[in-house]
C-alpha atoms as a PDB file:
ATOM      1  CA  UNK A   1     -37.225  71.860 -80.218  1.00  0.00           C
ATOM      2  CA  UNK A   2     -34.292  72.232 -77.884  1.00  0.00           C
ATOM      3  CA  UNK A   3     -31.945  75.040 -78.291  1.00  0.00           C
ATOM      4  CA  UNK A   4     -28.487  75.633 -76.406  1.00  0.00           C
ATOM      5  CA  UNK A   5     -26.685  78.538 -76.315  1.00  0.00           C
ATOM      6  CA  UNK A   6     -23.474  78.389 -78.151  1.00  0.00           C
ATOM      7  CA  UNK A   7     -21.590  79.808 -74.933  1.00  0.00           C
ATOM      8  CA  UNK A   8     -22.806  77.394 -72.492  1.00  0.00           C
ATOM      9  CA  UNK A   9     -22.361  73.700 -71.598  1.00  0.00           C
ATOM     10  CA  UNK A  10     -25.499  71.438 -70.655  1.00  0.00           C
ATOM     11  CA  UNK A  11     -27.742  74.369 -70.765  1.00  0.00           C
ATOM     12  CA  UNK A  12     -31.028  73.596 -72.629  1.00  0.00           C
ATOM     13  CA  UNK A  13     -34.043  75.916 -73.262  1.00  0.00           C
ATOM     14  CA  UNK A  14     -37.243  73.557 -73.088  1.00  0.00           C
ATOM     15  CA  UNK A  15     -40.422  75.316 -74.276  1.00  0.00           C
ATOM     16  CA  UNK A  16     -43.401  74.324 -71.994  1.00  0.00           C
ATOM     17  CA  UNK A  17     -46.731  73.851 -73.472  1.00  0.00           C
ATOM     18  CA  UNK A  18     -49.443  74.053 -71.045  1.00  0.00           C
ATOM     19  CA  UNK A  19     -51.605  70.930 -70.469  1.00  0.00           C
ATOM     20  CA  UNK A  20     -55.087  70.713 -69.318  1.00  0.00           C
ATOM     21  CA  UNK A  21     -55.491  69.304 -65.840  1.00  0.00           C
ATOM     22  CA  UNK A  22     -58.051  66.493 -65.688  1.00  0.00           C
ATOM     23  CA  UNK A  23     -58.579  67.001 -61.983  1.00  0.00           C
ATOM     24  CA  UNK A  24     -58.992  70.755 -61.910  1.00  0.00           C
ATOM     25  CA  UNK A  25     -62.183  72.361 -60.805  1.00  0.00           C
ATOM     26  CA  UNK A  26     -64.227  74.202 -63.214  1.00  0.00           C
ATOM     27  CA  UNK A  27     -65.619  77.642 -62.558  1.00  0.00           C
ATOM     28  CA  UNK A  28     -68.831  76.434 -63.306  1.00  0.00           C
ATOM     29  CA  UNK A  29     -68.568  73.141 -61.140  1.00  0.00           C
ATOM     30  CA  UNK A  30     -69.664  75.117 -57.899  1.00  0.00           C
ATOM     31  CA  UNK A  31     -72.971  76.077 -59.626  1.00  0.00           C
ATOM     32  CA  UNK A  32     -73.967  72.420 -59.983  1.00  0.00           C
ATOM     33  CA  UNK A  33     -72.367  70.857 -57.117  1.00  0.00           C
ATOM     34  CA  UNK A  34     -72.027  67.473 -58.421  1.00  0.00           C
ATOM     35  CA  UNK A  35     -71.046  64.557 -56.243  1.00  0.00           C
ATOM     36  CA  UNK A  36     -70.292  60.816 -56.688  1.00  0.00           C
ATOM     37  CA  UNK A  37     -71.896  58.716 -53.832  1.00  0.00           C
ATOM     38  CA  UNK A  38     -70.763  56.363 -52.230  1.00  0.00           C
ATOM     39  CA  UNK A  39     -66.842  56.971 -52.934  1.00  0.00           C
ATOM     40  CA  UNK A  40     -65.139  54.960 -52.586  1.00  0.00           C
ATOM     41  CA  UNK A  41     -67.245  52.199 -53.814  1.00  0.00           C
ATOM     42  CA  UNK A  42     -67.009  48.241 -54.541  1.00  0.00           C
ATOM     43  CA  UNK A  43     -69.723  47.902 -57.004  1.00  0.00           C
ATOM     44  CA  UNK A  44     -71.996  50.780 -57.861  1.00  0.00           C
ATOM     45  CA  UNK A  45     -71.991  54.448 -57.358  1.00  0.00           C
ATOM     46  CA  UNK A  46     -74.454  57.257 -58.311  1.00  0.00           C
ATOM     47  CA  UNK A  47     -74.055  60.989 -59.456  1.00  0.00           C
ATOM     48  CA  UNK A  48     -75.965  63.401 -56.860  1.00  0.00           C
ATOM     49  CA  UNK A  49     -76.929  66.734 -57.748  1.00  0.00           C
ATOM     50  CA  UNK A  50     -76.720  68.683 -54.359  1.00  0.00           C
ATOM     51  CA  UNK A  51     -78.268  72.012 -55.962  1.00  0.00           C
ATOM     52  CA  UNK A  52     -81.323  70.894 -58.120  1.00  0.00           C
ATOM     53  CA  UNK A  53     -82.002  74.439 -58.976  1.00  0.00           C
ATOM     54  CA  UNK A  54     -79.367  74.763 -61.791  1.00  0.00           C
ATOM     55  CA  UNK A  55     -79.759  71.306 -63.439  1.00  0.00           C
ATOM     56  CA  UNK A  56     -82.650  69.227 -63.970  1.00  0.00           C
ATOM     57  CA  UNK A  57     -82.819  66.014 -62.203  1.00  0.00           C
ATOM     58  CA  UNK A  58     -84.130  64.478 -65.371  1.00  0.00           C
ATOM     59  CA  UNK A  59     -81.289  65.912 -67.270  1.00  0.00           C
ATOM     60  CA  UNK A  60     -79.364  63.176 -69.426  1.00  0.00           C
ATOM     61  CA  UNK A  61     -75.781  62.956 -68.361  1.00  0.00           C
ATOM     62  CA  UNK A  62     -72.949  61.382 -70.624  1.00  0.00           C
ATOM     63  CA  UNK A  63     -70.396  59.567 -68.389  1.00  0.00           C
ATOM     64  CA  UNK A  64     -66.858  58.265 -69.180  1.00  0.00           C
ATOM     65  CA  UNK A  65     -64.568  56.604 -66.733  1.00  0.00           C
ATOM     66  CA  UNK A  66     -61.036  56.846 -67.512  1.00  0.00           C
ATOM     67  CA  UNK A  67     -58.267  54.600 -65.724  1.00  0.00           C
ATOM     68  CA  UNK A  68     -55.140  56.491 -64.406  1.00  0.00           C
ATOM     69  CA  UNK A  69     -53.326  55.546 -67.817  1.00  0.00           C
ATOM     70  CA  UNK A  70     -56.093  57.553 -69.928  1.00  0.00           C
ATOM     71  CA  UNK A  71     -57.878  54.480 -71.049  1.00  0.00           C
ATOM     72  CA  UNK A  72     -61.685  54.696 -71.559  1.00  0.00           C
ATOM     73  CA  UNK A  73     -63.024  51.944 -69.464  1.00  0.00           C
ATOM     74  CA  UNK A  74     -66.563  52.714 -69.414  1.00  0.00           C
ATOM     75  CA  UNK A  75     -69.052  55.028 -71.217  1.00  0.00           C
ATOM     76  CA  UNK A  76     -72.836  55.419 -70.994  1.00  0.00           C
ATOM     77  CA  UNK A  77     -75.702  57.964 -70.870  1.00  0.00           C
ATOM     78  CA  UNK A  78     -77.729  58.034 -67.748  1.00  0.00           C
ATOM     79  CA  UNK A  79     -79.795  60.289 -65.703  1.00  0.00           C
ATOM     80  CA  UNK A  80     -78.627  61.729 -62.065  1.00  0.00           C
ATOM     81  CA  UNK A  81     -79.045  59.463 -59.327  1.00  0.00           C
ATOM     82  CA  UNK A  82     -79.273  56.447 -61.471  1.00  0.00           C
ATOM     83  CA  UNK A  83     -76.910  53.751 -60.281  1.00  0.00           C
ATOM     84  CA  UNK A  84     -73.464  53.102 -62.438  1.00  0.00           C
ATOM     85  CA  UNK A  85     -72.351  49.622 -61.845  1.00  0.00           C
ATOM     86  CA  UNK A  86     -68.550  49.505 -61.690  1.00  0.00           C
ATOM     87  CA  UNK A  87     -67.868  45.885 -60.018  1.00  0.00           C
ATOM     88  CA  UNK A  88     -66.101  44.830 -63.342  1.00  0.00           C
ATOM     89  CA  UNK A  89     -63.398  47.461 -62.987  1.00  0.00           C
ATOM     90  CA  UNK A  90     -60.005  46.922 -61.202  1.00  0.00           C
ATOM     91  CA  UNK A  91     -59.315  48.134 -57.608  1.00  0.00           C
ATOM     92  CA  UNK A  92     -57.840  51.550 -58.246  1.00  0.00           C
ATOM     93  CA  UNK A  93     -58.368  55.390 -58.944  1.00  0.00           C
ATOM     94  CA  UNK A  94     -60.362  56.348 -61.843  1.00  0.00           C
ATOM     95  CA  UNK A  95     -61.254  59.766 -63.540  1.00  0.00           C
ATOM     96  CA  UNK A  96     -65.081  60.420 -63.894  1.00  0.00           C
ATOM     97  CA  UNK A  97     -65.936  62.648 -66.849  1.00  0.00           C
ATOM     98  CA  UNK A  98     -69.422  64.103 -66.572  1.00  0.00           C
ATOM     99  CA  UNK A  99     -71.133  66.201 -69.485  1.00  0.00           C
ATOM    100  CA  UNK A 100     -74.443  67.248 -69.252  1.00  0.00           C
ATOM    101  CA  UNK A 101     -77.027  68.416 -71.955  1.00  0.00           C
ATOM    102  CA  UNK A 102     -75.700  72.200 -71.924  1.00  0.00           C
ATOM    103  CA  UNK A 103     -71.838  70.876 -72.892  1.00  0.00           C
ATOM    104  CA  UNK A 104     -70.636  71.509 -69.221  1.00  0.00           C
ATOM    105  CA  UNK A 105     -67.934  69.364 -68.308  1.00  0.00           C
ATOM    106  CA  UNK A 106     -67.083  67.948 -64.848  1.00  0.00           C
ATOM    107  CA  UNK A 107     -64.281  66.131 -63.699  1.00  0.00           C
ATOM    108  CA  UNK A 108     -64.364  63.729 -60.474  1.00  0.00           C
ATOM    109  CA  UNK A 109     -62.226  61.247 -58.903  1.00  0.00           C
ATOM    110  CA  UNK A 110     -63.587  57.730 -58.132  1.00  0.00           C
ATOM    111  CA  UNK A 111     -61.932  55.143 -56.029  1.00  0.00           C
ATOM    112  CA  UNK A 112     -63.023  51.465 -56.430  1.00  0.00           C
ATOM    113  CA  UNK A 113     -62.202  49.213 -53.724  1.00  0.00           C
ATOM    114  CA  UNK A 114     -62.650  45.414 -53.420  1.00  0.00           C
END
């Protein structure tokens, strides 16, 4: 809803609604130290757990890859260090959303090359 004071011309008060930043760093992300490798990639990448004391290597991870316009282009359930094939994706930047079995959610950028 826009509102303008009656005593001014061209002044609008626009309410701002906070939007969750998909590329933010979660507070819990430092505990897990998750990385995508290789990144950038042309055909395949894996999820690397750099700190294996906080999450089991055999834990199942839910993966969603979103294009920059927000469309889901890939979803799967996989284990860490297992290859994820992306050769069918167009060249560009993607957002990878990783959810572990404890419902922790992590956001990573993936760059797809030719």
